[in-house]
């Protein structure tokens, strides 16, 4: 395996001063003016997927959201690595003889 795909979701809150929310709650997603999903392969530093919808404002706003999503994926990556290592160790010790 070369890399993991890590994904982050974002929502843009409606209103006079809209901001992008990383990992929004269900209520925040339902009320969102726009949403974005970013998928990243951190080791290869390659975007694996990008899906946006809604009224996200000017191009700069979408670029900000992509940057925020990529940062979220980078922060989540070590957590996923640790979970996989722990699960592999448990499976290794629990394997039948």
C-alpha atoms as a PDB file:
ATOM      1  CA  UNK A   1       0.000   0.000   0.000  1.00  0.00           C
ATOM      2  CA  UNK A   2       1.413   3.382  -0.998  1.00  0.00           C
ATOM      3  CA  UNK A   3      -0.934   5.742   0.798  1.00  0.00           C
ATOM      4  CA  UNK A   4      -4.290   6.237   2.484  1.00  0.00           C
ATOM      5  CA  UNK A   5      -7.056   8.456   1.201  1.00  0.00           C
ATOM      6  CA  UNK A   6      -8.136  10.900   3.891  1.00  0.00           C
ATOM      7  CA  UNK A   7     -11.326  12.905   3.478  1.00  0.00           C
ATOM      8  CA  UNK A   8     -12.692  16.048   5.095  1.00  0.00           C
ATOM      9  CA  UNK A   9     -16.051  17.732   4.727  1.00  0.00           C
ATOM     10  CA  UNK A  10     -16.700  21.457   4.920  1.00  0.00           C
ATOM     11  CA  UNK A  11     -19.820  23.612   4.952  1.00  0.00           C
ATOM     12  CA  UNK A  12     -20.170  27.323   4.365  1.00  0.00           C
ATOM     13  CA  UNK A  13     -22.488  28.908   6.878  1.00  0.00           C
ATOM     14  CA  UNK A  14     -25.066  31.300   5.421  1.00  0.00           C
ATOM     15  CA  UNK A  15     -25.360  34.881   6.558  1.00  0.00           C
ATOM     16  CA  UNK A  16     -23.701  38.271   6.285  1.00  0.00           C
ATOM     17  CA  UNK A  17     -20.259  36.985   7.370  1.00  0.00           C
ATOM     18  CA  UNK A  18     -20.158  33.398   6.069  1.00  0.00           C
ATOM     19  CA  UNK A  19     -17.293  31.164   7.122  1.00  0.00           C
ATOM     20  CA  UNK A  20     -16.238  27.663   6.101  1.00  0.00           C
ATOM     21  CA  UNK A  21     -16.710  25.047   8.837  1.00  0.00           C
ATOM     22  CA  UNK A  22     -14.452  21.990   8.892  1.00  0.00           C
ATOM     23  CA  UNK A  23     -16.192  18.741   9.897  1.00  0.00           C
ATOM     24  CA  UNK A  24     -19.625  20.350  10.343  1.00  0.00           C
ATOM     25  CA  UNK A  25     -22.425  18.888  12.417  1.00  0.00           C
ATOM     26  CA  UNK A  26     -25.553  17.528  10.726  1.00  0.00           C
ATOM     27  CA  UNK A  27     -27.450  20.729  11.555  1.00  0.00           C
ATOM     28  CA  UNK A  28     -24.646  22.879  10.112  1.00  0.00           C
ATOM     29  CA  UNK A  29     -24.666  20.757   6.943  1.00  0.00           C
ATOM     30  CA  UNK A  30     -28.435  21.070   6.579  1.00  0.00           C
ATOM     31  CA  UNK A  31     -28.283  24.872   6.926  1.00  0.00           C
ATOM     32  CA  UNK A  32     -25.225  25.317   4.709  1.00  0.00           C
ATOM     33  CA  UNK A  33     -25.189  27.620   1.710  1.00  0.00           C
ATOM     34  CA  UNK A  34     -22.420  25.485   0.179  1.00  0.00           C
ATOM     35  CA  UNK A  35     -20.520  22.291   0.905  1.00  0.00           C
ATOM     36  CA  UNK A  36     -17.181  20.825  -0.096  1.00  0.00           C
ATOM     37  CA  UNK A  37     -15.562  17.410   0.277  1.00  0.00           C
ATOM     38  CA  UNK A  38     -11.792  17.098  -0.081  1.00  0.00           C
ATOM     39  CA  UNK A  39      -9.969  13.749  -0.383  1.00  0.00           C
ATOM     40  CA  UNK A  40      -6.178  13.684  -0.102  1.00  0.00           C
ATOM     41  CA  UNK A  41      -3.405  11.107  -0.338  1.00  0.00           C
ATOM     42  CA  UNK A  42      -0.981  12.780   2.117  1.00  0.00           C
ATOM     43  CA  UNK A  43       2.182  10.776   1.382  1.00  0.00           C
ATOM     44  CA  UNK A  44       1.895  11.463  -2.340  1.00  0.00           C
ATOM     45  CA  UNK A  45       0.548  14.988  -1.638  1.00  0.00           C
ATOM     46  CA  UNK A  46      -2.098  14.326  -4.265  1.00  0.00           C
ATOM     47  CA  UNK A  47      -5.748  15.347  -4.253  1.00  0.00           C
ATOM     48  CA  UNK A  48      -7.806  12.208  -4.851  1.00  0.00           C
ATOM     49  CA  UNK A  49     -11.186  13.896  -4.948  1.00  0.00           C
ATOM     50  CA  UNK A  50     -12.883  17.268  -4.769  1.00  0.00           C
ATOM     51  CA  UNK A  51     -16.642  17.785  -4.763  1.00  0.00           C
ATOM     52  CA  UNK A  52     -18.358  21.092  -4.116  1.00  0.00           C
ATOM     53  CA  UNK A  53     -21.899  22.377  -4.405  1.00  0.00           C
ATOM     54  CA  UNK A  54     -23.953  25.410  -3.517  1.00  0.00           C
ATOM     55  CA  UNK A  55     -23.305  29.135  -3.348  1.00  0.00           C
ATOM     56  CA  UNK A  56     -19.778  29.344  -1.980  1.00  0.00           C
ATOM     57  CA  UNK A  57     -19.106  32.901  -2.999  1.00  0.00           C
ATOM     58  CA  UNK A  58     -16.135  34.132  -5.018  1.00  0.00           C
ATOM     59  CA  UNK A  59     -13.331  31.909  -6.267  1.00  0.00           C
ATOM     60  CA  UNK A  60     -11.114  33.005  -3.363  1.00  0.00           C
ATOM     61  CA  UNK A  61     -13.660  31.592  -0.927  1.00  0.00           C
ATOM     62  CA  UNK A  62     -13.569  28.173  -2.604  1.00  0.00           C
ATOM     63  CA  UNK A  63      -9.758  28.272  -2.645  1.00  0.00           C
ATOM     64  CA  UNK A  64      -9.796  29.027   1.092  1.00  0.00           C
ATOM     65  CA  UNK A  65     -12.118  26.058   1.657  1.00  0.00           C
ATOM     66  CA  UNK A  66      -9.860  23.721  -0.322  1.00  0.00           C
ATOM     67  CA  UNK A  67      -6.837  24.847   1.729  1.00  0.00           C
ATOM     68  CA  UNK A  68      -8.770  24.318   4.969  1.00  0.00           C
ATOM     69  CA  UNK A  69      -9.864  20.852   3.819  1.00  0.00           C
ATOM     70  CA  UNK A  70      -6.312  19.878   2.857  1.00  0.00           C
ATOM     71  CA  UNK A  71      -5.032  21.024   6.256  1.00  0.00           C
ATOM     72  CA  UNK A  72      -7.765  18.986   7.940  1.00  0.00           C
ATOM     73  CA  UNK A  73      -6.761  15.900   5.965  1.00  0.00           C
ATOM     74  CA  UNK A  74      -3.095  16.377   6.903  1.00  0.00           C
ATOM     75  CA  UNK A  75      -4.029  16.632  10.608  1.00  0.00           C
ATOM     76  CA  UNK A  76      -6.249  13.549  10.422  1.00  0.00           C
ATOM     77  CA  UNK A  77      -3.675  11.362   8.657  1.00  0.00           C
ATOM     78  CA  UNK A  78      -1.520  10.452  11.730  1.00  0.00           C
ATOM     79  CA  UNK A  79      -4.662   9.483  13.646  1.00  0.00           C
ATOM     80  CA  UNK A  80      -5.695   7.085  10.874  1.00  0.00           C
ATOM     81  CA  UNK A  81      -2.178   5.637  10.732  1.00  0.00           C
ATOM     82  CA  UNK A  82      -2.236   4.924  14.477  1.00  0.00           C
ATOM     83  CA  UNK A  83      -5.647   3.266  14.228  1.00  0.00           C
ATOM     84  CA  UNK A  84      -4.475   0.995  11.409  1.00  0.00           C
ATOM     85  CA  UNK A  85      -1.281   0.031  13.246  1.00  0.00           C
ATOM     86  CA  UNK A  86      -3.225  -0.789  16.429  1.00  0.00           C
ATOM     87  CA  UNK A  87      -5.782  -2.833  14.499  1.00  0.00           C
ATOM     88  CA  UNK A  88      -3.033  -4.748  12.685  1.00  0.00           C
ATOM     89  CA  UNK A  89      -1.281  -5.502  15.972  1.00  0.00           C
ATOM     90  CA  UNK A  90      -4.517  -6.748  17.533  1.00  0.00           C
ATOM     91  CA  UNK A  91      -5.175  -8.985  14.545  1.00  0.00           C
ATOM     92  CA  UNK A  92      -1.622 -10.301  14.693  1.00  0.00           C
ATOM     93  CA  UNK A  93      -1.929 -11.302  18.345  1.00  0.00           C
ATOM     94  CA  UNK A  94      -5.454 -12.658  17.913  1.00  0.00           C
ATOM     95  CA  UNK A  95      -4.650 -14.826  14.893  1.00  0.00           C
ATOM     96  CA  UNK A  96      -5.376 -18.543  15.367  1.00  0.00           C
ATOM     97  CA  UNK A  97      -2.352 -20.883  15.627  1.00  0.00           C
END
